[in-house]
């Protein structure tokens, strides 16, 4: 007797709108709730923002670049999960290395550009360190979320994007806020 549960994939070519809604809504509702939580988290860094408003200039970049790195990982890993070609341990090892490489490259450029633009060494250091950390962990967050969906027999392509994005956004805000608070205050 086969106890293997079948995963219902969100496929616009074959599934009804009702089914697609049911498959996609839970992850988006989680994203809604956690997304509002990001606003509360950001408010905890009011002191560093009040001390140096220029800190806010880089928040969209920090959040975006980590999301972009994670989105690439998510698209490739989710696609390969469906085809059965994905081996978590291989992806984890390679995506960690890619996160470190991209993290280093982007931290150097973002720190350098922020220093050339605003001339603030502490802010440049904050942007650089936060970029490195958020970019390094972004692919790992995505892999863990996708693996969790797959293990729960849910379509990783329908759930990973919204959930991993909001988790990564929260982590990016927290990391940037903590790093800037430590370095600038």
C-alpha atoms as a PDB file:
ATOM      1  CA  UNK A   1       0.000   0.000   0.000  1.00  0.00           C
ATOM      2  CA  UNK A   2       1.429   3.386  -1.019  1.00  0.00           C
ATOM      3  CA  UNK A   3       1.100   6.038   1.724  1.00  0.00           C
ATOM      4  CA  UNK A   4       2.695   8.749  -0.383  1.00  0.00           C
ATOM      5  CA  UNK A   5       0.503  11.858  -0.493  1.00  0.00           C
ATOM      6  CA  UNK A   6       0.036  13.593  -3.809  1.00  0.00           C
ATOM      7  CA  UNK A   7       0.792  17.276  -4.036  1.00  0.00           C
ATOM      8  CA  UNK A   8      -1.754  19.384  -5.880  1.00  0.00           C
ATOM      9  CA  UNK A   9       0.196  21.943  -7.896  1.00  0.00           C
ATOM     10  CA  UNK A  10      -1.167  25.376  -8.751  1.00  0.00           C
ATOM     11  CA  UNK A  11      -1.322  25.050 -12.534  1.00  0.00           C
ATOM     12  CA  UNK A  12      -3.273  27.769 -14.359  1.00  0.00           C
ATOM     13  CA  UNK A  13      -3.570  25.588 -17.439  1.00  0.00           C
ATOM     14  CA  UNK A  14      -5.553  22.872 -15.672  1.00  0.00           C
ATOM     15  CA  UNK A  15      -6.942  24.064 -12.343  1.00  0.00           C
ATOM     16  CA  UNK A  16     -10.084  26.140 -11.738  1.00  0.00           C
ATOM     17  CA  UNK A  17      -9.926  29.620 -10.267  1.00  0.00           C
ATOM     18  CA  UNK A  18     -11.465  28.232  -7.067  1.00  0.00           C
ATOM     19  CA  UNK A  19      -8.714  25.609  -6.728  1.00  0.00           C
ATOM     20  CA  UNK A  20      -5.984  28.119  -7.564  1.00  0.00           C
ATOM     21  CA  UNK A  21      -7.405  30.498  -4.968  1.00  0.00           C
ATOM     22  CA  UNK A  22      -7.425  27.766  -2.310  1.00  0.00           C
ATOM     23  CA  UNK A  23      -3.845  26.826  -3.120  1.00  0.00           C
ATOM     24  CA  UNK A  24      -2.515  30.377  -3.121  1.00  0.00           C
ATOM     25  CA  UNK A  25      -4.553  32.198  -0.466  1.00  0.00           C
ATOM     26  CA  UNK A  26      -3.022  30.657   2.697  1.00  0.00           C
ATOM     27  CA  UNK A  27       0.508  31.809   1.860  1.00  0.00           C
ATOM     28  CA  UNK A  28      -0.739  35.268   0.910  1.00  0.00           C
ATOM     29  CA  UNK A  29      -2.687  35.592   4.168  1.00  0.00           C
ATOM     30  CA  UNK A  30       0.460  34.654   6.099  1.00  0.00           C
ATOM     31  CA  UNK A  31       2.275  37.302   4.056  1.00  0.00           C
ATOM     32  CA  UNK A  32      -0.370  39.896   4.879  1.00  0.00           C
ATOM     33  CA  UNK A  33      -0.111  39.279   8.601  1.00  0.00           C
ATOM     34  CA  UNK A  34       3.673  39.137   8.695  1.00  0.00           C
ATOM     35  CA  UNK A  35       3.930  42.100   6.311  1.00  0.00           C
ATOM     36  CA  UNK A  36       2.032  44.258   8.772  1.00  0.00           C
ATOM     37  CA  UNK A  37       4.412  42.938  11.414  1.00  0.00           C
ATOM     38  CA  UNK A  38       7.304  44.427   9.420  1.00  0.00           C
ATOM     39  CA  UNK A  39       5.868  47.884  10.101  1.00  0.00           C
ATOM     40  CA  UNK A  40       5.894  47.194  13.825  1.00  0.00           C
ATOM     41  CA  UNK A  41       9.455  45.871  13.628  1.00  0.00           C
ATOM     42  CA  UNK A  42      10.611  48.937  11.693  1.00  0.00           C
ATOM     43  CA  UNK A  43       9.149  51.202  14.368  1.00  0.00           C
ATOM     44  CA  UNK A  44      11.549  49.626  16.887  1.00  0.00           C
ATOM     45  CA  UNK A  45      14.423  51.318  15.059  1.00  0.00           C
ATOM     46  CA  UNK A  46      12.990  54.817  15.423  1.00  0.00           C
ATOM     47  CA  UNK A  47      16.010  55.979  17.446  1.00  0.00           C
ATOM     48  CA  UNK A  48      18.582  55.170  14.762  1.00  0.00           C
ATOM     49  CA  UNK A  49      16.305  56.604  12.047  1.00  0.00           C
ATOM     50  CA  UNK A  50      15.848  59.810  14.063  1.00  0.00           C
ATOM     51  CA  UNK A  51      19.599  60.000  14.666  1.00  0.00           C
ATOM     52  CA  UNK A  52      20.412  59.646  10.956  1.00  0.00           C
ATOM     53  CA  UNK A  53      17.540  59.820   8.489  1.00  0.00           C
ATOM     54  CA  UNK A  54      19.898  58.657   5.733  1.00  0.00           C
ATOM     55  CA  UNK A  55      19.623  55.160   7.212  1.00  0.00           C
ATOM     56  CA  UNK A  56      16.152  55.029   5.643  1.00  0.00           C
ATOM     57  CA  UNK A  57      17.613  55.639   2.168  1.00  0.00           C
ATOM     58  CA  UNK A  58      19.049  52.129   2.068  1.00  0.00           C
ATOM     59  CA  UNK A  59      16.207  50.135   3.605  1.00  0.00           C
ATOM     60  CA  UNK A  60      14.499  49.513   0.233  1.00  0.00           C
ATOM     61  CA  UNK A  61      17.808  48.360  -1.256  1.00  0.00           C
ATOM     62  CA  UNK A  62      18.607  45.997   1.617  1.00  0.00           C
ATOM     63  CA  UNK A  63      15.138  44.448   1.427  1.00  0.00           C
ATOM     64  CA  UNK A  64      15.057  44.307  -2.376  1.00  0.00           C
ATOM     65  CA  UNK A  65      18.450  42.751  -3.007  1.00  0.00           C
ATOM     66  CA  UNK A  66      17.898  39.968  -0.466  1.00  0.00           C
ATOM     67  CA  UNK A  67      14.497  39.283  -2.032  1.00  0.00           C
ATOM     68  CA  UNK A  68      15.991  39.219  -5.533  1.00  0.00           C
ATOM     69  CA  UNK A  69      18.632  36.672  -4.519  1.00  0.00           C
ATOM     70  CA  UNK A  70      15.976  34.583  -2.761  1.00  0.00           C
ATOM     71  CA  UNK A  71      13.594  34.782  -5.706  1.00  0.00           C
ATOM     72  CA  UNK A  72      16.188  33.303  -8.025  1.00  0.00           C
ATOM     73  CA  UNK A  73      16.774  30.418  -5.626  1.00  0.00           C
ATOM     74  CA  UNK A  74      13.038  29.885  -5.192  1.00  0.00           C
ATOM     75  CA  UNK A  75      12.313  29.742  -8.913  1.00  0.00           C
ATOM     76  CA  UNK A  76      15.057  27.228  -9.624  1.00  0.00           C
ATOM     77  CA  UNK A  77      14.487  25.050  -6.552  1.00  0.00           C
ATOM     78  CA  UNK A  78      10.677  24.966  -6.897  1.00  0.00           C
ATOM     79  CA  UNK A  79      10.964  24.039 -10.563  1.00  0.00           C
ATOM     80  CA  UNK A  80      13.383  21.239  -9.765  1.00  0.00           C
ATOM     81  CA  UNK A  81      11.246  19.985  -6.883  1.00  0.00           C
ATOM     82  CA  UNK A  82       8.385  19.381  -9.294  1.00  0.00           C
ATOM     83  CA  UNK A  83      10.600  17.469 -11.682  1.00  0.00           C
ATOM     84  CA  UNK A  84      12.072  15.430  -8.840  1.00  0.00           C
ATOM     85  CA  UNK A  85      15.614  16.593  -9.618  1.00  0.00           C
ATOM     86  CA  UNK A  86      16.189  18.659  -6.474  1.00  0.00           C
ATOM     87  CA  UNK A  87      18.428  17.310  -3.738  1.00  0.00           C
ATOM     88  CA  UNK A  88      18.135  19.575  -0.683  1.00  0.00           C
ATOM     89  CA  UNK A  89      21.679  19.027   0.604  1.00  0.00           C
ATOM     90  CA  UNK A  90      23.212  19.930  -2.773  1.00  0.00           C
ATOM     91  CA  UNK A  91      21.078  23.035  -3.062  1.00  0.00           C
ATOM     92  CA  UNK A  92      21.816  24.070   0.524  1.00  0.00           C
ATOM     93  CA  UNK A  93      25.586  23.789   0.048  1.00  0.00           C
ATOM     94  CA  UNK A  94      25.648  25.550  -3.317  1.00  0.00           C
ATOM     95  CA  UNK A  95      23.166  28.275  -2.364  1.00  0.00           C
ATOM     96  CA  UNK A  96      25.123  28.996   0.820  1.00  0.00           C
ATOM     97  CA  UNK A  97      28.254  29.474  -1.289  1.00  0.00           C
ATOM     98  CA  UNK A  98      26.374  31.649  -3.786  1.00  0.00           C
ATOM     99  CA  UNK A  99      24.929  33.687  -0.917  1.00  0.00           C
ATOM    100  CA  UNK A 100      28.413  34.261   0.482  1.00  0.00           C
ATOM    101  CA  UNK A 101      29.825  35.212  -2.938  1.00  0.00           C
ATOM    102  CA  UNK A 102      26.962  37.552  -3.848  1.00  0.00           C
ATOM    103  CA  UNK A 103      26.933  38.892  -0.287  1.00  0.00           C
ATOM    104  CA  UNK A 104      30.602  39.823  -0.506  1.00  0.00           C
ATOM    105  CA  UNK A 105      30.316  41.414  -3.953  1.00  0.00           C
ATOM    106  CA  UNK A 106      27.207  43.410  -3.082  1.00  0.00           C
ATOM    107  CA  UNK A 107      28.501  44.491   0.324  1.00  0.00           C
ATOM    108  CA  UNK A 108      31.620  45.971  -1.269  1.00  0.00           C
ATOM    109  CA  UNK A 109      29.650  47.818  -3.951  1.00  0.00           C
ATOM    110  CA  UNK A 110      26.800  49.009  -1.732  1.00  0.00           C
ATOM    111  CA  UNK A 111      29.166  50.172   1.007  1.00  0.00           C
ATOM    112  CA  UNK A 112      31.377  51.934  -1.517  1.00  0.00           C
ATOM    113  CA  UNK A 113      28.504  53.622  -3.302  1.00  0.00           C
ATOM    114  CA  UNK A 114      26.873  54.750  -0.051  1.00  0.00           C
ATOM    115  CA  UNK A 115      30.195  56.217   1.133  1.00  0.00           C
ATOM    116  CA  UNK A 116      30.838  58.013  -2.160  1.00  0.00           C
ATOM    117  CA  UNK A 117      27.282  59.340  -2.203  1.00  0.00           C
ATOM    118  CA  UNK A 118      26.904  60.485   1.405  1.00  0.00           C
ATOM    119  CA  UNK A 119      30.446  60.475   2.792  1.00  0.00           C
ATOM    120  CA  UNK A 120      29.388  58.761   6.021  1.00  0.00           C
ATOM    121  CA  UNK A 121      31.784  55.963   6.981  1.00  0.00           C
ATOM    122  CA  UNK A 122      29.511  54.501   9.668  1.00  0.00           C
ATOM    123  CA  UNK A 123      26.487  54.426   7.396  1.00  0.00           C
ATOM    124  CA  UNK A 124      28.562  52.855   4.614  1.00  0.00           C
ATOM    125  CA  UNK A 125      29.788  50.198   7.032  1.00  0.00           C
ATOM    126  CA  UNK A 126      26.221  49.554   8.210  1.00  0.00           C
ATOM    127  CA  UNK A 127      24.938  49.178   4.638  1.00  0.00           C
ATOM    128  CA  UNK A 128      27.865  46.930   3.762  1.00  0.00           C
ATOM    129  CA  UNK A 129      27.504  44.587   6.755  1.00  0.00           C
ATOM    130  CA  UNK A 130      23.712  44.398   6.505  1.00  0.00           C
ATOM    131  CA  UNK A 131      23.908  43.697   2.756  1.00  0.00           C
ATOM    132  CA  UNK A 132      26.364  40.879   3.332  1.00  0.00           C
ATOM    133  CA  UNK A 133      24.282  39.263   6.066  1.00  0.00           C
ATOM    134  CA  UNK A 134      20.884  39.544   4.373  1.00  0.00           C
ATOM    135  CA  UNK A 135      22.161  38.377   0.999  1.00  0.00           C
ATOM    136  CA  UNK A 136      24.021  35.439   2.540  1.00  0.00           C
ATOM    137  CA  UNK A 137      20.956  34.095   4.348  1.00  0.00           C
ATOM    138  CA  UNK A 138      18.353  34.877   1.647  1.00  0.00           C
ATOM    139  CA  UNK A 139      18.782  31.688  -0.403  1.00  0.00           C
ATOM    140  CA  UNK A 140      18.831  29.579   2.757  1.00  0.00           C
ATOM    141  CA  UNK A 141      15.548  31.064   3.964  1.00  0.00           C
ATOM    142  CA  UNK A 142      13.944  30.238   0.616  1.00  0.00           C
ATOM    143  CA  UNK A 143      15.271  26.681   0.622  1.00  0.00           C
ATOM    144  CA  UNK A 144      13.994  26.040   4.133  1.00  0.00           C
ATOM    145  CA  UNK A 145      10.544  27.454   3.354  1.00  0.00           C
ATOM    146  CA  UNK A 146      10.272  25.493   0.090  1.00  0.00           C
ATOM    147  CA  UNK A 147      11.464  22.332   1.806  1.00  0.00           C
ATOM    148  CA  UNK A 148       8.855  22.861   4.535  1.00  0.00           C
ATOM    149  CA  UNK A 149       6.063  23.228   1.959  1.00  0.00           C
ATOM    150  CA  UNK A 150       7.271  20.162   0.059  1.00  0.00           C
ATOM    151  CA  UNK A 151       7.514  18.135   3.282  1.00  0.00           C
ATOM    152  CA  UNK A 152       3.957  19.183   4.196  1.00  0.00           C
ATOM    153  CA  UNK A 153       2.806  17.996   0.744  1.00  0.00           C
ATOM    154  CA  UNK A 154       1.899  21.531  -0.322  1.00  0.00           C
ATOM    155  CA  UNK A 155       2.880  23.097  -3.636  1.00  0.00           C
ATOM    156  CA  UNK A 156       6.169  24.909  -2.919  1.00  0.00           C
ATOM    157  CA  UNK A 157       5.722  27.137  -5.956  1.00  0.00           C
ATOM    158  CA  UNK A 158       2.405  28.484  -4.628  1.00  0.00           C
ATOM    159  CA  UNK A 159       3.538  29.045  -1.049  1.00  0.00           C
ATOM    160  CA  UNK A 160       7.253  29.636  -0.965  1.00  0.00           C
ATOM    161  CA  UNK A 161       7.296  33.015  -2.715  1.00  0.00           C
ATOM    162  CA  UNK A 162       4.931  34.927  -0.437  1.00  0.00           C
ATOM    163  CA  UNK A 163       6.066  33.272   2.796  1.00  0.00           C
ATOM    164  CA  UNK A 164       9.804  33.344   2.090  1.00  0.00           C
ATOM    165  CA  UNK A 165       9.560  36.949   0.866  1.00  0.00           C
ATOM    166  CA  UNK A 166       7.873  38.209   4.009  1.00  0.00           C
ATOM    167  CA  UNK A 167      10.228  36.240   6.263  1.00  0.00           C
ATOM    168  CA  UNK A 168      13.214  37.569   4.330  1.00  0.00           C
ATOM    169  CA  UNK A 169      11.809  41.112   4.458  1.00  0.00           C
ATOM    170  CA  UNK A 170      11.407  40.831   8.226  1.00  0.00           C
ATOM    171  CA  UNK A 171      14.906  39.449   8.633  1.00  0.00           C
ATOM    172  CA  UNK A 172      16.326  42.182   6.391  1.00  0.00           C
ATOM    173  CA  UNK A 173      14.651  44.933   8.402  1.00  0.00           C
ATOM    174  CA  UNK A 174      15.756  43.376  11.698  1.00  0.00           C
ATOM    175  CA  UNK A 175      19.331  42.802  10.521  1.00  0.00           C
ATOM    176  CA  UNK A 176      19.663  46.285   9.038  1.00  0.00           C
ATOM    177  CA  UNK A 177      18.081  47.856  12.116  1.00  0.00           C
ATOM    178  CA  UNK A 178      20.341  45.988  14.527  1.00  0.00           C
ATOM    179  CA  UNK A 179      23.482  46.570  12.471  1.00  0.00           C
ATOM    180  CA  UNK A 180      22.804  50.302  12.072  1.00  0.00           C
ATOM    181  CA  UNK A 181      21.875  50.627  15.744  1.00  0.00           C
ATOM    182  CA  UNK A 182      25.144  48.983  16.828  1.00  0.00           C
ATOM    183  CA  UNK A 183      27.369  50.859  14.377  1.00  0.00           C
ATOM    184  CA  UNK A 184      25.748  54.307  14.237  1.00  0.00           C
ATOM    185  CA  UNK A 185      24.365  54.849  17.744  1.00  0.00           C
END
